[in-house]
Amino acid sequence: MKWKLGLGVLGALLLMGLSAEAQTPERVPAPAREKRVVEEIIARVNNEIVTRTELQRAHDSMRQDVQEECRNCSPAQINAQVGEREKNVLRDLIDQSLLAQRGKDMGVNVETDVVKRMDEVRTRNNLASMEELQQKVEESGLGWEEFRNNIRNNLLIQEVIRREVGSRLIIDKDEVKKYYEEHTKDFHRAEMVYLSELFVSTVDKPEAEIPALEEKAKKLLDRLKNGEDLEEMAKRYSDGDTAKQGGDLGGFKRGQLSPELEELVFKMKPRELSNVIRTKTGFLVLRLDMRYEAGLQPVDKVEGEIMNRLYGEKIPGAMRRYLTKLREESYVVVKPGYSDPAAVTSNPIIEVEPAPEVDKSKKGKKEKKSEKDAKEKKNAESKEKKGGE
C-alpha cells in the first residue's frame, strides 16, 4: 500500500526552504523606511524583475521572523541567525517568482482564496473592515494592489507545490515499517493526549460583553459539531496564541494540565469536542486529536507521525530538484555584486543587434543603377554577337 502527501501534512511542509516572504502574510507589513521613485533591478526572472525594495523588504521580514522565533536570544544570537539566512533571501525571491509564474502557466485560479486569505489577515490583525486593512497596508508603504498580488502569488505557489511536488511524493508501507523498526526508542511514550483549541478571549472586556462572548463560543462549537474544520476556524476566529497554527496545542502528559482539564481530556475519545469551558481569560473549546497509552506505541498508532517525518526528510530535496528544473527552463540573470546560491547554467538568450536600416532613397538609386548596368551589358553582348556573324 502507498500513501500520497495529504493536505494536513503538506500544510506544514509546503514552503520549507523558502523565506518568510513566500508565506501568506499573517500581519500587516511594517512601515517602510522610505519611498524611492527610481527602482534598482537586482534580478530578472523571465519577464519579471526583483527590485532592491523587494529584496530589502524580504530581508526585514526575515529578521522579524528570527526575532519572533527566538524571543529569548541575545542580539548576537539573532544576528548570527540572520547572517545564516540572509544569503538565501535573493534565492528565495527568485524561487517564488518562478513558482508563481509556473502557476499562471498552469492556469491555476486562486481568486476565491485570495478574498478568504485577506479576510484572515484582517481578522488576525483585529481590524474591523477591509477598508481599515487597506489603510494599514498603505500606511506601511505597500500598495494595496501589491499586497493583494503578494497573497495571490503565495496561494499560486502553494498550489503549484501541492500539485507538482507534494502529490508526487509517495511513501510505501514498507518504508514506514522500516523506519519504525529502526527508531523504536522514539515511540516509547508516557500516557499523553494531543489537543487543539478554539479560544474566545474576555481579557480587558467589560462585564456587559461577557454573555455575548460566551454565545460566540457556543456558536463556534455548533459549527464544529456540524463538520466545519477546526484548523481553519481557529485561524479565523480564535483569540489564542495558537491561532496561527490552526489551534494546535501539542501534547500533554498527566500533571501538565490543571486537575479539572486533565480529568476532562484524559476521558475524551479521539476527535471528540469538549463543551465550552469558562476560564479566567475567556471561553475555551478543546478537541482531543490523539491519545497515547503508556509504553511502546504500535506502528499503526504512530503511522501518521512516521509519514510526516519521512515527508519532512524528502520534500526539501524534491523542492530543490523541482526549482532547479524551473531554473534550467528559465531566463534568470542576477546583477553583479549579488548572489543566487541556486543559480544554474541555463540556455543563454543571445541578443542580436538589429541590422541597420537602409535609406530608401539610396536603395532606389542603387536599384536603378543596377538595372542600367544590366541593360548596357546586354546590348554590348548583342553587338558582339552580330559582329561575329
Protein backbone atom coordinates (compact mmCIF):
# COMPACT_ATOMS: atom_id res chain seq x y z
CA MET A 1 0.00 0.00 0.00
CA LYS A 2 1.16 3.56 -0.74
CA TRP A 3 0.16 6.99 0.50
CA LYS A 4 0.35 10.33 -1.22
CA LEU A 5 1.05 13.56 0.60
CA GLY A 6 -2.10 14.64 2.42
CA LEU A 7 -3.25 18.23 2.78
CA GLY A 8 -2.65 18.29 6.53
CA VAL A 9 0.94 17.11 6.18
CA LEU A 10 1.50 19.31 3.16
CA GLY A 11 0.39 22.40 5.03
CA ALA A 12 3.31 22.01 7.40
CA LEU A 13 5.83 21.26 4.68
CA LEU A 14 4.74 23.35 1.69
CA LEU A 15 7.25 26.12 1.92
CA MET A 16 10.27 24.54 3.55
CA GLY A 17 13.37 26.26 2.25
CA LEU A 18 11.53 29.40 1.19
CA SER A 19 11.84 32.66 3.07
CA ALA A 20 9.11 34.33 5.08
CA GLU A 21 8.15 36.39 2.06
CA ALA A 22 6.88 33.22 0.41
CA GLN A 23 4.31 32.59 3.08
CA THR A 24 0.89 34.14 3.28
CA PRO A 25 1.04 37.34 5.37
CA GLU A 26 -0.36 36.93 8.89
CA ARG A 27 0.40 40.52 9.81
CA VAL A 28 0.21 43.92 8.21
CA PRO A 29 3.65 44.87 6.82
CA ALA A 30 5.84 47.10 8.99
CA PRO A 31 6.09 50.75 7.91
CA ALA A 32 8.54 51.29 5.09
CA ARG A 33 11.69 53.27 5.84
CA GLU A 34 11.48 55.36 2.71
CA LYS A 35 9.97 55.57 -0.75
CA ARG A 36 12.11 55.63 -3.85
CA VAL A 37 10.99 56.84 -7.22
CA VAL A 38 13.67 55.01 -9.20
CA GLU A 39 13.93 51.26 -8.59
CA GLU A 40 17.17 49.31 -8.83
CA ILE A 41 16.68 45.96 -10.58
CA ILE A 42 18.53 43.19 -8.75
CA ALA A 43 17.42 40.20 -10.84
CA ARG A 44 15.45 39.36 -13.97
CA VAL A 45 13.33 36.20 -13.90
CA ASN A 46 11.92 35.63 -17.38
CA ASN A 47 9.65 38.65 -17.93
CA GLU A 48 9.58 39.65 -14.25
CA ILE A 49 12.05 41.52 -12.05
CA VAL A 50 13.20 41.54 -8.42
CA THR A 51 13.84 45.07 -7.16
CA ARG A 52 16.06 46.35 -4.41
CA THR A 53 12.95 47.39 -2.44
CA GLU A 54 11.57 43.85 -2.61
CA LEU A 55 14.91 42.42 -1.52
CA GLN A 56 15.09 44.83 1.44
CA ARG A 57 11.52 44.06 2.42
CA ALA A 58 12.22 40.33 2.32
CA HIS A 59 15.34 40.86 4.45
CA ASP A 60 13.39 42.90 7.01
CA SER A 61 10.65 40.26 7.15
CA MET A 62 13.24 37.52 7.66
CA ARG A 63 14.84 39.43 10.55
CA GLN A 64 11.43 39.98 12.14
CA ASP A 65 10.69 36.25 11.89
CA VAL A 66 14.01 35.41 13.55
CA GLN A 67 13.22 37.80 16.41
CA GLU A 68 9.78 36.25 16.90
CA GLU A 69 11.10 32.69 16.76
CA CYS A 70 13.92 33.40 19.19
CA ARG A 71 12.43 35.80 21.73
CA ASN A 72 14.95 34.91 24.43
CA CYS A 73 18.00 35.12 22.17
CA SER A 74 20.72 37.73 22.65
CA PRO A 75 21.35 40.31 19.90
CA ALA A 76 24.48 38.36 18.94
CA GLN A 77 22.47 35.13 18.55
CA ILE A 78 19.83 36.90 16.47
CA ASN A 79 22.48 38.46 14.23
CA ALA A 80 24.10 35.05 13.76
CA GLN A 81 20.79 33.52 12.63
CA VAL A 82 20.06 36.47 10.36
CA GLY A 83 23.54 36.15 8.83
CA GLU A 84 22.94 32.46 8.17
CA ARG A 85 19.59 33.06 6.47
CA GLU A 86 20.28 36.24 4.55
CA LYS A 87 22.45 34.50 1.95
CA ASN A 88 19.30 32.77 0.69
CA VAL A 89 16.93 35.76 0.64
CA LEU A 90 17.50 36.58 -3.04
CA ARG A 91 17.44 32.89 -3.95
CA ASP A 92 14.05 32.55 -2.28
CA LEU A 93 12.62 35.58 -4.08
CA ILE A 94 13.70 34.08 -7.40
CA ASP A 95 12.19 30.73 -6.36
CA GLN A 96 8.90 32.44 -5.56
CA SER A 97 8.82 34.24 -8.88
CA LEU A 98 9.48 31.01 -10.79
CA LEU A 99 6.77 29.14 -8.86
CA ALA A 100 4.17 31.92 -9.26
CA GLN A 101 4.90 32.13 -13.00
CA ARG A 102 4.52 28.36 -13.23
CA GLY A 103 1.13 28.60 -11.52
CA LYS A 104 -0.04 31.16 -14.06
CA ASP A 105 1.21 28.99 -16.92
CA MET A 106 -0.75 26.05 -15.46
CA GLY A 107 -3.92 28.15 -15.38
CA VAL A 108 -4.31 27.92 -11.59
CA ASN A 109 -7.15 30.15 -10.32
CA VAL A 110 -6.96 31.24 -6.68
CA GLU A 111 -9.14 34.37 -6.71
CA THR A 112 -11.73 32.97 -4.27
CA ASP A 113 -8.97 32.01 -1.86
CA VAL A 114 -7.39 35.46 -2.16
CA VAL A 115 -10.53 37.03 -0.66
CA LYS A 116 -10.65 34.43 2.12
CA ARG A 117 -6.98 34.87 2.97
CA MET A 118 -7.26 38.65 3.06
CA ASP A 119 -10.15 38.31 5.49
CA GLU A 120 -7.99 36.03 7.65
CA VAL A 121 -5.26 38.70 7.68
CA ARG A 122 -7.85 41.31 8.67
CA THR A 123 -9.15 39.10 11.49
CA ARG A 124 -5.68 38.19 12.78
CA ASN A 125 -4.79 41.90 12.98
CA ASN A 126 -8.03 42.75 14.82
CA LEU A 127 -9.26 45.12 12.12
CA ALA A 128 -12.96 45.84 11.74
CA SER A 129 -13.18 46.10 7.95
CA MET A 130 -11.32 45.65 4.68
CA GLU A 131 -11.15 49.42 4.36
CA GLU A 132 -9.26 49.56 7.65
CA LEU A 133 -6.93 46.80 6.46
CA GLN A 134 -6.29 48.73 3.24
CA GLN A 135 -5.49 51.86 5.24
CA LYS A 136 -2.98 49.98 7.44
CA VAL A 137 -1.36 48.35 4.43
CA GLU A 138 -0.94 51.66 2.60
CA GLU A 139 0.38 53.33 5.76
CA SER A 140 3.11 50.68 5.78
CA GLY A 141 4.30 51.91 2.38
CA LEU A 142 2.99 48.89 0.46
CA GLY A 143 0.39 49.46 -2.25
CA TRP A 144 -2.99 47.77 -1.83
CA GLU A 145 -2.79 46.02 -5.21
CA GLU A 146 0.75 44.89 -4.46
CA PHE A 147 -0.47 43.46 -1.15
CA ARG A 148 -3.27 41.57 -2.95
CA ASN A 149 -0.85 40.36 -5.58
CA ASN A 150 1.55 39.07 -2.93
CA ILE A 151 -1.25 36.99 -1.41
CA ARG A 152 -2.29 35.78 -4.86
CA ASN A 153 1.26 34.71 -5.68
CA ASN A 154 1.63 32.97 -2.32
CA LEU A 155 -1.51 30.93 -2.99
CA LEU A 156 -0.31 30.12 -6.51
CA ILE A 157 2.98 28.92 -5.05
CA GLN A 158 1.23 26.67 -2.53
CA GLU A 159 -0.94 25.11 -5.22
CA VAL A 160 2.00 24.54 -7.58
CA ILE A 161 3.98 22.83 -4.81
CA ARG A 162 0.97 20.71 -3.89
CA ARG A 163 0.41 19.57 -7.47
CA GLU A 164 3.93 19.39 -8.81
CA VAL A 165 5.90 18.27 -5.76
CA GLY A 166 3.75 17.11 -2.85
CA SER A 167 1.37 14.93 -4.85
CA ARG A 168 4.31 13.09 -6.41
CA LEU A 169 5.94 12.16 -3.11
CA ILE A 170 4.82 8.62 -2.37
CA ILE A 171 5.74 6.70 0.77
CA ASP A 172 5.47 2.93 0.75
CA LYS A 173 4.17 0.99 3.73
CA ASP A 174 7.47 -0.87 3.85
CA GLU A 175 9.25 2.47 4.38
CA VAL A 176 7.03 3.22 7.37
CA LYS A 177 7.67 -0.23 8.85
CA LYS A 178 11.44 0.06 8.28
CA TYR A 179 11.57 3.50 9.93
CA TYR A 180 9.54 2.22 12.89
CA GLU A 181 11.87 -0.75 13.43
CA GLU A 182 14.96 1.48 13.24
CA HIS A 183 13.57 4.09 15.65
CA THR A 184 11.54 2.10 18.20
CA LYS A 185 13.12 4.09 21.03
CA ASP A 186 11.33 7.20 19.66
CA PHE A 187 7.94 5.57 20.12
CA HIS A 188 8.06 4.67 23.81
CA ARG A 189 5.62 7.14 25.32
CA ALA A 190 4.16 8.12 28.61
CA GLU A 191 0.39 8.40 28.60
CA MET A 192 -0.26 11.53 26.57
CA VAL A 193 -3.03 13.48 24.89
CA TYR A 194 -2.68 15.83 21.92
CA LEU A 195 -5.11 18.75 21.88
CA SER A 196 -6.34 21.58 19.69
CA GLU A 197 -8.24 24.64 20.88
CA LEU A 198 -10.55 27.41 19.80
CA PHE A 199 -10.41 30.31 22.25
CA VAL A 200 -12.57 33.41 22.74
CA SER A 201 -10.81 35.94 24.96
CA THR A 202 -12.50 38.02 27.67
CA VAL A 203 -9.33 39.88 28.68
CA ASP A 204 -10.00 43.63 29.16
CA LYS A 205 -13.61 43.18 28.05
CA PRO A 206 -16.37 44.93 30.01
CA GLU A 207 -18.62 42.67 32.05
CA ALA A 208 -21.60 43.59 29.88
CA GLU A 209 -19.93 41.91 26.85
CA ILE A 210 -19.19 38.58 28.55
CA PRO A 211 -22.56 36.91 27.74
CA ALA A 212 -22.17 37.82 24.05
CA LEU A 213 -18.66 36.37 24.01
CA GLU A 214 -19.90 33.16 25.62
CA GLU A 215 -22.64 32.97 22.99
CA LYS A 216 -19.99 33.46 20.28
CA ALA A 217 -18.02 30.49 21.66
CA LYS A 218 -21.16 28.33 21.70
CA LYS A 219 -21.96 29.19 18.08
CA LEU A 220 -18.41 28.33 17.05
CA LEU A 221 -18.76 24.99 18.84
CA ASP A 222 -22.02 24.30 16.99
CA ARG A 223 -20.26 24.94 13.69
CA LEU A 224 -17.52 22.50 14.64
CA LYS A 225 -20.11 19.87 15.54
CA ASN A 226 -21.69 20.42 12.12
CA GLY A 227 -18.45 19.46 10.43
CA GLU A 228 -16.52 22.70 9.89
CA ASP A 229 -12.74 22.43 10.09
CA LEU A 230 -11.27 23.42 13.46
CA GLU A 231 -7.91 24.37 11.97
CA GLU A 232 -9.44 26.86 9.55
CA MET A 233 -11.86 28.23 12.15
CA ALA A 234 -9.07 28.68 14.68
CA LYS A 235 -7.06 30.69 12.14
CA ARG A 236 -10.02 32.97 11.50
CA TYR A 237 -11.77 33.27 14.86
CA SER A 238 -9.57 32.10 17.73
CA ASP A 239 -8.03 34.70 20.04
CA GLY A 240 -5.45 32.23 21.35
CA ASP A 241 -1.72 32.23 20.72
CA THR A 242 -2.21 29.00 18.75
CA ALA A 243 -4.47 30.58 16.10
CA LYS A 244 -1.68 30.84 13.54
CA GLN A 245 -1.03 27.09 13.96
CA GLY A 246 -4.70 26.25 13.50
CA GLY A 247 -5.31 25.86 17.23
CA ASP A 248 -2.67 23.12 17.76
CA LEU A 249 -1.75 22.94 21.46
CA GLY A 250 0.61 19.96 21.19
CA GLY A 251 0.93 17.05 23.64
CA PHE A 252 0.40 16.85 27.40
CA LYS A 253 1.32 14.23 29.97
CA ARG A 254 -0.55 13.74 33.21
CA GLY A 255 0.30 16.51 35.63
CA GLN A 256 0.87 19.16 32.95
CA LEU A 257 -2.71 20.42 32.87
CA SER A 258 -4.93 21.80 35.60
CA PRO A 259 -6.67 18.99 37.53
CA GLU A 260 -10.07 19.97 36.05
CA LEU A 261 -8.84 19.89 32.45
CA GLU A 262 -6.79 16.73 33.00
CA GLU A 263 -9.80 14.87 34.34
CA LEU A 264 -11.82 16.01 31.32
CA VAL A 265 -9.40 15.41 28.42
CA PHE A 266 -7.99 12.07 29.56
CA LYS A 267 -11.54 10.68 29.40
CA MET A 268 -12.25 12.04 25.90
CA LYS A 269 -12.10 9.97 22.73
CA PRO A 270 -10.04 10.93 19.65
CA ARG A 271 -11.68 13.79 17.65
CA GLU A 272 -14.16 14.41 20.47
CA LEU A 273 -15.03 18.05 21.28
CA SER A 274 -15.47 19.45 24.76
CA ASN A 275 -18.30 21.75 25.74
CA VAL A 276 -17.49 25.46 26.12
CA ILE A 277 -15.19 25.80 29.14
CA ARG A 278 -15.04 29.06 31.12
CA THR A 279 -11.50 30.05 32.14
CA LYS A 280 -10.05 33.12 33.84
CA THR A 281 -9.20 34.64 30.47
CA GLY A 282 -12.06 33.53 28.23
CA PHE A 283 -14.09 30.67 26.78
CA LEU A 284 -12.35 27.53 25.53
CA VAL A 285 -13.32 24.64 23.26
CA LEU A 286 -10.93 21.67 23.21
CA ARG A 287 -10.62 18.78 20.79
CA LEU A 288 -8.73 15.56 21.56
CA ASP A 289 -6.65 14.93 18.45
CA MET A 290 -4.80 11.82 19.63
CA ARG A 291 -4.19 9.79 22.73
CA TYR A 292 -1.24 7.52 23.55
CA GLU A 293 -1.28 4.83 26.21
CA ALA A 294 1.94 4.35 28.20
CA GLY A 295 4.64 2.13 26.63
CA LEU A 296 5.79 1.28 23.11
CA GLN A 297 3.19 2.51 20.65
CA PRO A 298 2.08 0.08 17.92
CA VAL A 299 3.12 1.01 14.38
CA ASP A 300 -0.43 1.82 13.25
CA LYS A 301 -0.73 4.31 16.12
CA VAL A 302 2.33 6.28 15.02
CA GLU A 303 1.98 5.72 11.28
CA GLY A 304 0.94 9.33 10.58
CA GLU A 305 3.82 10.67 12.66
CA ILE A 306 6.33 8.49 10.79
CA MET A 307 4.93 9.60 7.44
CA ASN A 308 5.32 13.23 8.48
CA ARG A 309 8.95 12.58 9.40
CA LEU A 310 9.64 10.83 6.10
CA TYR A 311 7.97 13.59 4.12
CA GLY A 312 9.98 16.12 6.10
CA GLU A 313 13.16 14.34 5.05
CA LYS A 314 12.17 14.05 1.38
CA ILE A 315 10.45 17.30 0.49
CA PRO A 316 13.39 19.75 0.75
CA GLY A 317 15.35 17.74 -1.80
CA ALA A 318 12.29 17.29 -4.02
CA MET A 319 11.60 21.03 -3.87
CA ARG A 320 15.15 21.94 -4.77
CA ARG A 321 15.19 19.50 -7.70
CA TYR A 322 11.94 20.94 -9.00
CA LEU A 323 13.20 24.51 -8.64
CA THR A 324 16.45 23.58 -10.40
CA LYS A 325 14.37 22.25 -13.30
CA LEU A 326 12.41 25.52 -13.44
CA ARG A 327 15.66 27.49 -13.43
CA GLU A 328 17.06 25.41 -16.29
CA GLU A 329 13.96 26.18 -18.34
CA SER A 330 14.01 29.88 -17.49
CA TYR A 331 15.99 33.07 -18.08
CA VAL A 332 17.44 34.21 -14.73
CA VAL A 333 20.03 36.99 -14.55
CA VAL A 334 21.34 38.47 -11.29
CA LYS A 335 23.05 41.85 -11.10
CA PRO A 336 26.80 41.73 -10.43
CA GLY A 337 27.51 42.08 -6.73
CA TYR A 338 24.51 39.93 -5.71
CA SER A 339 24.45 36.16 -5.32
CA ASP A 340 21.92 33.44 -6.14
CA PRO A 341 23.23 30.25 -4.45
CA ALA A 342 20.89 28.10 -6.55
CA ALA A 343 21.97 29.52 -9.92
CA VAL A 344 22.25 27.04 -12.80
CA THR A 345 23.59 27.24 -16.32
CA SER A 346 20.52 27.70 -18.48
CA ASN A 347 20.10 28.08 -22.21
CA PRO A 348 21.53 31.52 -22.98
CA ILE A 349 19.43 34.15 -24.69
CA ILE A 350 21.55 35.79 -27.36
CA GLU A 351 20.71 39.39 -28.05
CA VAL A 352 21.30 40.27 -31.71
CA GLU A 353 21.91 43.84 -32.80
CA PRO A 354 19.28 44.92 -35.35
CA ALA A 355 20.54 45.31 -38.93
CA PRO A 356 20.98 48.97 -39.92
CA GLU A 357 18.04 50.30 -41.83
CA VAL A 358 18.84 51.11 -45.47
CA ASP A 359 17.95 54.59 -46.69
CA LYS A 360 15.06 54.03 -49.11
CA SER A 361 16.15 56.86 -51.49
CA LYS A 362 19.66 55.40 -51.73
CA LYS A 363 18.20 51.92 -52.16
CA GLY A 364 16.10 53.21 -55.10
CA LYS A 365 19.11 54.84 -56.78
CA LYS A 366 21.16 51.69 -56.33
CA GLU A 367 18.45 49.52 -57.89
CA LYS A 368 18.12 51.89 -60.92
CA LYS A 369 21.92 51.84 -61.45
CA SER A 370 21.93 48.04 -61.38
CA GLU A 371 19.17 47.93 -63.99
CA LYS A 372 21.07 50.37 -66.25
CA ASP A 373 24.30 48.34 -65.98
CA ALA A 374 22.42 45.17 -66.84
CA LYS A 375 20.91 46.75 -69.99
CA GLU A 376 24.28 48.10 -71.17
CA LYS A 377 25.86 44.68 -70.68
CA LYS A 378 23.08 43.01 -72.65
CA ASN A 379 23.41 45.50 -75.56
CA ALA A 380 27.19 45.00 -75.69
CA GLU A 381 26.75 41.24 -75.83
CA SER A 382 24.19 41.62 -78.69
CA LYS A 383 26.53 43.83 -80.79
CA GLU A 384 29.41 41.44 -80.25
CA LYS A 385 27.30 38.56 -81.48
CA LYS A 386 26.27 40.43 -84.68
CA GLY A 387 29.88 41.42 -85.41
CA GLY A 388 30.88 37.78 -85.20
CA GLU A 389 28.29 36.80 -87.77
